[in-house]
Amino acid sequence: MKKLIMQNPHSGIIKRAPVGFSWTTLFFGAFPAFLRGDYKWCFIQFILGAVLILPLLIFPFIYNKLYLKKLLVRGYKVKSVEGTTIEALNQRYELDLPMLPGK
């Protein structure tokens, strides 16, 4: 599994950000977003999932990227990468992931 280890350089808080298809979102719906503290997307997934079936099939493909973008907006930077390289992720997901200095 591909994962980014993200760290906020100001607070020192470290978070893991899986990349690619979200199997946990497929099987557990909004619950992974809730456990990550991503309450906005948890609520959106829960409401849309209660009303429509289609979001339950779409969110597993997009949720990990949404979570990663949220971390980037909050100032997190890549501390390390598991299962792939930073260059491959930048190219595949059309991102410019910032690395912590000295990494």
C-alpha atoms as a PDB file:
ATOM      1  CA  MET A   1       0.000   0.000   0.000  1.00  0.00           C
ATOM      2  CA  LYS A   2       1.226   3.458  -0.880  1.00  0.00           C
ATOM      3  CA  LYS A   3       1.328   5.915   2.012  1.00  0.00           C
ATOM      4  CA  LEU A   4       2.676   9.338   2.689  1.00  0.00           C
ATOM      5  CA  ILE A   5       3.896  10.233   6.137  1.00  0.00           C
ATOM      6  CA  MET A   6       2.976  13.898   6.505  1.00  0.00           C
ATOM      7  CA  GLN A   7       4.216  16.266   9.201  1.00  0.00           C
ATOM      8  CA  ASN A   8       3.147  19.769  10.063  1.00  0.00           C
ATOM      9  CA  PRO A   9       6.416  21.703  10.416  1.00  0.00           C
ATOM     10  CA  HIS A  10       4.890  24.186  12.869  1.00  0.00           C
ATOM     11  CA  SER A  11       3.158  21.814  15.286  1.00  0.00           C
ATOM     12  CA  GLY A  12       5.175  18.644  14.665  1.00  0.00           C
ATOM     13  CA  ILE A  13       2.000  16.560  14.312  1.00  0.00           C
ATOM     14  CA  ILE A  14       2.464  13.531  12.051  1.00  0.00           C
ATOM     15  CA  LYS A  15      -0.355  11.992   9.993  1.00  0.00           C
ATOM     16  CA  ARG A  16      -0.452   9.073   7.580  1.00  0.00           C
ATOM     17  CA  ALA A  17      -2.108   9.743   4.238  1.00  0.00           C
ATOM     18  CA  PRO A  18      -2.883   6.674   2.121  1.00  0.00           C
ATOM     19  CA  VAL A  19      -2.769   7.284  -1.613  1.00  0.00           C
ATOM     20  CA  GLY A  20      -4.908   5.765  -4.347  1.00  0.00           C
ATOM     21  CA  PHE A  21      -8.059   3.687  -4.000  1.00  0.00           C
ATOM     22  CA  SER A  22      -9.579   3.698  -0.504  1.00  0.00           C
ATOM     23  CA  TRP A  23     -10.596   0.168   0.388  1.00  0.00           C
ATOM     24  CA  THR A  24     -11.645   1.296   3.854  1.00  0.00           C
ATOM     25  CA  THR A  25     -14.044   3.843   2.373  1.00  0.00           C
ATOM     26  CA  LEU A  26     -15.447   1.176   0.066  1.00  0.00           C
ATOM     27  CA  PHE A  27     -16.149  -1.219   2.938  1.00  0.00           C
ATOM     28  CA  PHE A  28     -16.925   1.215   5.769  1.00  0.00           C
ATOM     29  CA  GLY A  29     -18.310   4.315   4.011  1.00  0.00           C
ATOM     30  CA  ALA A  30     -17.915   7.534   5.999  1.00  0.00           C
ATOM     31  CA  PHE A  31     -16.325   5.831   9.031  1.00  0.00           C
ATOM     32  CA  PRO A  32     -12.652   6.229   7.879  1.00  0.00           C
ATOM     33  CA  ALA A  33     -13.188   9.973   7.376  1.00  0.00           C
ATOM     34  CA  PHE A  34     -14.611  10.182  10.901  1.00  0.00           C
ATOM     35  CA  LEU A  35     -11.598   8.348  12.373  1.00  0.00           C
ATOM     36  CA  ARG A  36      -9.199  10.695  10.553  1.00  0.00           C
ATOM     37  CA  GLY A  37     -11.001  13.710  12.012  1.00  0.00           C
ATOM     38  CA  ASP A  38     -12.187  14.759   8.553  1.00  0.00           C
ATOM     39  CA  TYR A  39     -15.703  15.604   9.728  1.00  0.00           C
ATOM     40  CA  LYS A  40     -16.670  17.663   6.687  1.00  0.00           C
ATOM     41  CA  TRP A  41     -16.191  14.751   4.269  1.00  0.00           C
ATOM     42  CA  CYS A  42     -17.615  12.305   6.802  1.00  0.00           C
ATOM     43  CA  PHE A  43     -20.833  14.313   6.914  1.00  0.00           C
ATOM     44  CA  ILE A  44     -20.976  14.698   3.111  1.00  0.00           C
ATOM     45  CA  GLN A  45     -20.410  10.973   2.572  1.00  0.00           C
ATOM     46  CA  PHE A  46     -22.961  10.044   5.216  1.00  0.00           C
ATOM     47  CA  ILE A  47     -25.693  12.320   3.839  1.00  0.00           C
ATOM     48  CA  LEU A  48     -25.091  11.423   0.188  1.00  0.00           C
ATOM     49  CA  GLY A  49     -24.792   7.742   1.041  1.00  0.00           C
ATOM     50  CA  ALA A  50     -28.092   7.823   2.919  1.00  0.00           C
ATOM     51  CA  VAL A  51     -29.885   9.444  -0.025  1.00  0.00           C
ATOM     52  CA  LEU A  52     -28.112   7.901  -3.024  1.00  0.00           C
ATOM     53  CA  ILE A  53     -26.165   4.708  -3.703  1.00  0.00           C
ATOM     54  CA  LEU A  54     -23.853   6.200  -6.364  1.00  0.00           C
ATOM     55  CA  PRO A  55     -21.631   8.191  -3.931  1.00  0.00           C
ATOM     56  CA  LEU A  56     -20.820   4.943  -2.126  1.00  0.00           C
ATOM     57  CA  LEU A  57     -19.231   3.757  -5.375  1.00  0.00           C
ATOM     58  CA  ILE A  58     -17.473   7.063  -6.200  1.00  0.00           C
ATOM     59  CA  PHE A  59     -15.909   8.101  -2.870  1.00  0.00           C
ATOM     60  CA  PRO A  60     -13.479   5.144  -2.631  1.00  0.00           C
ATOM     61  CA  PHE A  61     -11.813   6.456  -5.796  1.00  0.00           C
ATOM     62  CA  ILE A  62     -11.485  10.080  -4.653  1.00  0.00           C
ATOM     63  CA  TYR A  63     -11.474  10.233  -0.847  1.00  0.00           C
ATOM     64  CA  ASN A  64      -7.735   9.662  -0.229  1.00  0.00           C
ATOM     65  CA  LYS A  65      -6.856  12.482  -2.631  1.00  0.00           C
ATOM     66  CA  LEU A  66      -9.375  14.785  -0.920  1.00  0.00           C
ATOM     67  CA  TYR A  67      -7.813  13.975   2.464  1.00  0.00           C
ATOM     68  CA  LEU A  68      -4.291  14.568   1.122  1.00  0.00           C
ATOM     69  CA  LYS A  69      -5.290  17.951  -0.298  1.00  0.00           C
ATOM     70  CA  LYS A  70      -6.804  18.898   3.077  1.00  0.00           C
ATOM     71  CA  LEU A  71      -3.506  18.109   4.803  1.00  0.00           C
ATOM     72  CA  LEU A  72      -1.566  20.151   2.226  1.00  0.00           C
ATOM     73  CA  VAL A  73      -3.855  23.156   2.745  1.00  0.00           C
ATOM     74  CA  ARG A  74      -3.215  22.896   6.493  1.00  0.00           C
ATOM     75  CA  GLY A  75       0.531  23.137   5.907  1.00  0.00           C
ATOM     76  CA  TYR A  76       1.572  19.485   6.160  1.00  0.00           C
ATOM     77  CA  LYS A  77       4.637  18.403   4.218  1.00  0.00           C
ATOM     78  CA  VAL A  78       5.867  14.978   3.178  1.00  0.00           C
ATOM     79  CA  LYS A  79       8.235  13.457   5.708  1.00  0.00           C
ATOM     80  CA  SER A  80       8.577  10.075   3.962  1.00  0.00           C
ATOM     81  CA  VAL A  81       6.933   7.862   1.361  1.00  0.00           C
ATOM     82  CA  GLU A  82       6.048   4.172   1.700  1.00  0.00           C
ATOM     83  CA  GLY A  83       5.541   1.866  -1.281  1.00  0.00           C
ATOM     84  CA  THR A  84       6.506   4.272  -4.073  1.00  0.00           C
ATOM     85  CA  THR A  85       8.486   7.448  -4.794  1.00  0.00           C
ATOM     86  CA  ILE A  86       7.488  11.079  -4.409  1.00  0.00           C
ATOM     87  CA  GLU A  87       8.160  11.669  -8.120  1.00  0.00           C
ATOM     88  CA  ALA A  88       5.774   8.881  -9.137  1.00  0.00           C
ATOM     89  CA  LEU A  89       3.029  10.291  -6.901  1.00  0.00           C
ATOM     90  CA  ASN A  90       3.520  13.822  -8.204  1.00  0.00           C
ATOM     91  CA  GLN A  91       3.222  12.604 -11.769  1.00  0.00           C
ATOM     92  CA  ARG A  92       0.296  10.228 -11.251  1.00  0.00           C
ATOM     93  CA  TYR A  93      -1.876  12.570  -9.191  1.00  0.00           C
ATOM     94  CA  GLU A  94      -0.735  15.815 -10.841  1.00  0.00           C
ATOM     95  CA  LEU A  95       0.428  17.262  -7.552  1.00  0.00           C
ATOM     96  CA  ASP A  96       3.520  19.077  -6.357  1.00  0.00           C
ATOM     97  CA  LEU A  97       3.960  17.519  -2.939  1.00  0.00           C
ATOM     98  CA  PRO A  98       6.202  19.619  -0.683  1.00  0.00           C
ATOM     99  CA  MET A  99       8.931  17.772   1.189  1.00  0.00           C
ATOM    100  CA  LEU A 100      10.195  18.670   4.636  1.00  0.00           C
ATOM    101  CA  PRO A 101      13.597  20.329   4.479  1.00  0.00           C
ATOM    102  CA  GLY A 102      16.464  17.872   4.671  1.00  0.00           C
ATOM    103  CA  LYS A 103      14.458  14.886   3.393  1.00  0.00           C
END
